C-alpha atoms as a PDB file:
ATOM      1  CA  UNK A   1     174.436  45.292  32.830  1.00  0.00           C
ATOM      2  CA  UNK A   2     177.858  46.258  34.079  1.00  0.00           C
ATOM      3  CA  UNK A   3     180.204  43.485  35.019  1.00  0.00           C
ATOM      4  CA  UNK A   4     183.750  43.026  36.026  1.00  0.00           C
ATOM      5  CA  UNK A   5     185.535  41.188  33.229  1.00  0.00           C
ATOM      6  CA  UNK A   6     187.653  39.178  35.634  1.00  0.00           C
ATOM      7  CA  UNK A   7     184.758  38.213  37.901  1.00  0.00           C
ATOM      8  CA  UNK A   8     182.011  38.117  35.267  1.00  0.00           C
ATOM      9  CA  UNK A   9     179.686  39.622  37.879  1.00  0.00           C
ATOM     10  CA  UNK A  10     178.013  43.039  38.087  1.00  0.00           C
ATOM     11  CA  UNK A  11     179.436  45.562  40.510  1.00  0.00           C
ATOM     12  CA  UNK A  12     177.601  48.231  42.471  1.00  0.00           C
ATOM     13  CA  UNK A  13     180.061  51.116  42.225  1.00  0.00           C
ATOM     14  CA  UNK A  14     177.955  53.349  39.997  1.00  0.00           C
ATOM     15  CA  UNK A  15     174.805  52.892  42.067  1.00  0.00           C
ATOM     16  CA  UNK A  16     176.660  53.506  45.327  1.00  0.00           C
ATOM     17  CA  UNK A  17     178.363  56.654  44.009  1.00  0.00           C
ATOM     18  CA  UNK A  18     175.075  58.025  42.693  1.00  0.00           C
ATOM     19  CA  UNK A  19     173.361  57.275  46.014  1.00  0.00           C
ATOM     20  CA  UNK A  20     175.935  59.469  47.749  1.00  0.00           C
ATOM     21  CA  UNK A  21     175.220  62.371  45.389  1.00  0.00           C
ATOM     22  CA  UNK A  22     178.864  62.612  44.347  1.00  0.00           C
ATOM     23  CA  UNK A  23     179.969  63.358  40.823  1.00  0.00           C
ATOM     24  CA  UNK A  24     182.434  60.985  39.213  1.00  0.00           C
ATOM     25  CA  UNK A  25     184.967  63.826  39.040  1.00  0.00           C
ATOM     26  CA  UNK A  26     184.677  64.561  42.758  1.00  0.00           C
ATOM     27  CA  UNK A  27     184.869  60.895  43.790  1.00  0.00           C
ATOM     28  CA  UNK A  28     187.868  60.309  41.513  1.00  0.00           C
ATOM     29  CA  UNK A  29     189.609  63.361  42.959  1.00  0.00           C
ATOM     30  CA  UNK A  30     188.950  62.218  46.533  1.00  0.00           C
ATOM     31  CA  UNK A  31     190.184  58.710  45.678  1.00  0.00           C
ATOM     32  CA  UNK A  32     193.205  60.033  43.759  1.00  0.00           C
ATOM     33  CA  UNK A  33     192.067  58.225  40.614  1.00  0.00           C
ATOM     34  CA  UNK A  34     191.706  59.430  37.062  1.00  0.00           C
ATOM     35  CA  UNK A  35     187.977  59.961  36.356  1.00  0.00           C
ATOM     36  CA  UNK A  36     188.336  57.726  33.281  1.00  0.00           C
ATOM     37  CA  UNK A  37     189.660  54.928  35.476  1.00  0.00           C
ATOM     38  CA  UNK A  38     186.747  55.289  37.898  1.00  0.00           C
ATOM     39  CA  UNK A  39     184.387  55.228  34.908  1.00  0.00           C
ATOM     40  CA  UNK A  40     185.920  51.942  33.748  1.00  0.00           C
ATOM     41  CA  UNK A  41     185.605  50.459  37.253  1.00  0.00           C
ATOM     42  CA  UNK A  42     181.969  51.549  37.473  1.00  0.00           C
ATOM     43  CA  UNK A  43     181.130  50.086  34.081  1.00  0.00           C
ATOM     44  CA  UNK A  44     182.996  46.829  34.602  1.00  0.00           C
ATOM     45  CA  UNK A  45     185.448  47.243  31.745  1.00  0.00           C
ATOM     46  CA  UNK A  46     188.352  47.320  34.188  1.00  0.00           C
ATOM     47  CA  UNK A  47     188.718  45.759  37.628  1.00  0.00           C
ATOM     48  CA  UNK A  48     190.498  47.498  40.496  1.00  0.00           C
ATOM     49  CA  UNK A  49     193.309  45.726  42.269  1.00  0.00           C
ATOM     50  CA  UNK A  50     192.808  44.723  45.898  1.00  0.00           C
ATOM     51  CA  UNK A  51     194.393  47.925  47.208  1.00  0.00           C
ATOM     52  CA  UNK A  52     192.032  50.123  45.166  1.00  0.00           C
ATOM     53  CA  UNK A  53     189.035  47.936  46.042  1.00  0.00           C
ATOM     54  CA  UNK A  54     189.829  48.520  49.731  1.00  0.00           C
ATOM     55  CA  UNK A  55     190.131  52.289  49.143  1.00  0.00           C
ATOM     56  CA  UNK A  56     186.747  52.258  47.399  1.00  0.00           C
ATOM     57  CA  UNK A  57     185.294  50.286  50.299  1.00  0.00           C
ATOM     58  CA  UNK A  58     186.624  52.764  52.854  1.00  0.00           C
ATOM     59  CA  UNK A  59     185.546  55.776  50.812  1.00  0.00           C
ATOM     60  CA  UNK A  60     181.971  54.624  50.239  1.00  0.00           C
ATOM     61  CA  UNK A  61     181.730  52.998  53.684  1.00  0.00           C
ATOM     62  CA  UNK A  62     180.560  49.750  52.107  1.00  0.00           C
ATOM     63  CA  UNK A  63     182.143  46.318  52.274  1.00  0.00           C
ATOM     64  CA  UNK A  64     184.134  45.055  49.317  1.00  0.00           C
ATOM     65  CA  UNK A  65     181.547  42.264  49.045  1.00  0.00           C
ATOM     66  CA  UNK A  66     178.778  44.840  48.744  1.00  0.00           C
ATOM     67  CA  UNK A  67     180.645  46.772  46.056  1.00  0.00           C
ATOM     68  CA  UNK A  68     181.765  43.643  44.184  1.00  0.00           C
ATOM     69  CA  UNK A  69     179.272  40.849  44.912  1.00  0.00           C
ATOM     70  CA  UNK A  70     180.560  37.375  44.184  1.00  0.00           C
ATOM     71  CA  UNK A  71     177.149  35.659  44.094  1.00  0.00           C
END
């Protein structure tokens, strides 16, 4: 189970990216992130700041709440 260390909750980034058919490299390039950073976000070992969370939300066309559920 992947979780965000700060929130102690699972996130849905990996599932959402895979559902779009995008590779991690392509998504990271589009988002102007290092692929290793995106990997850490997807696996919950690092949490994005609010600015990056909003960019992820816009990119995947999902709400921040959907990407990072609080419940």
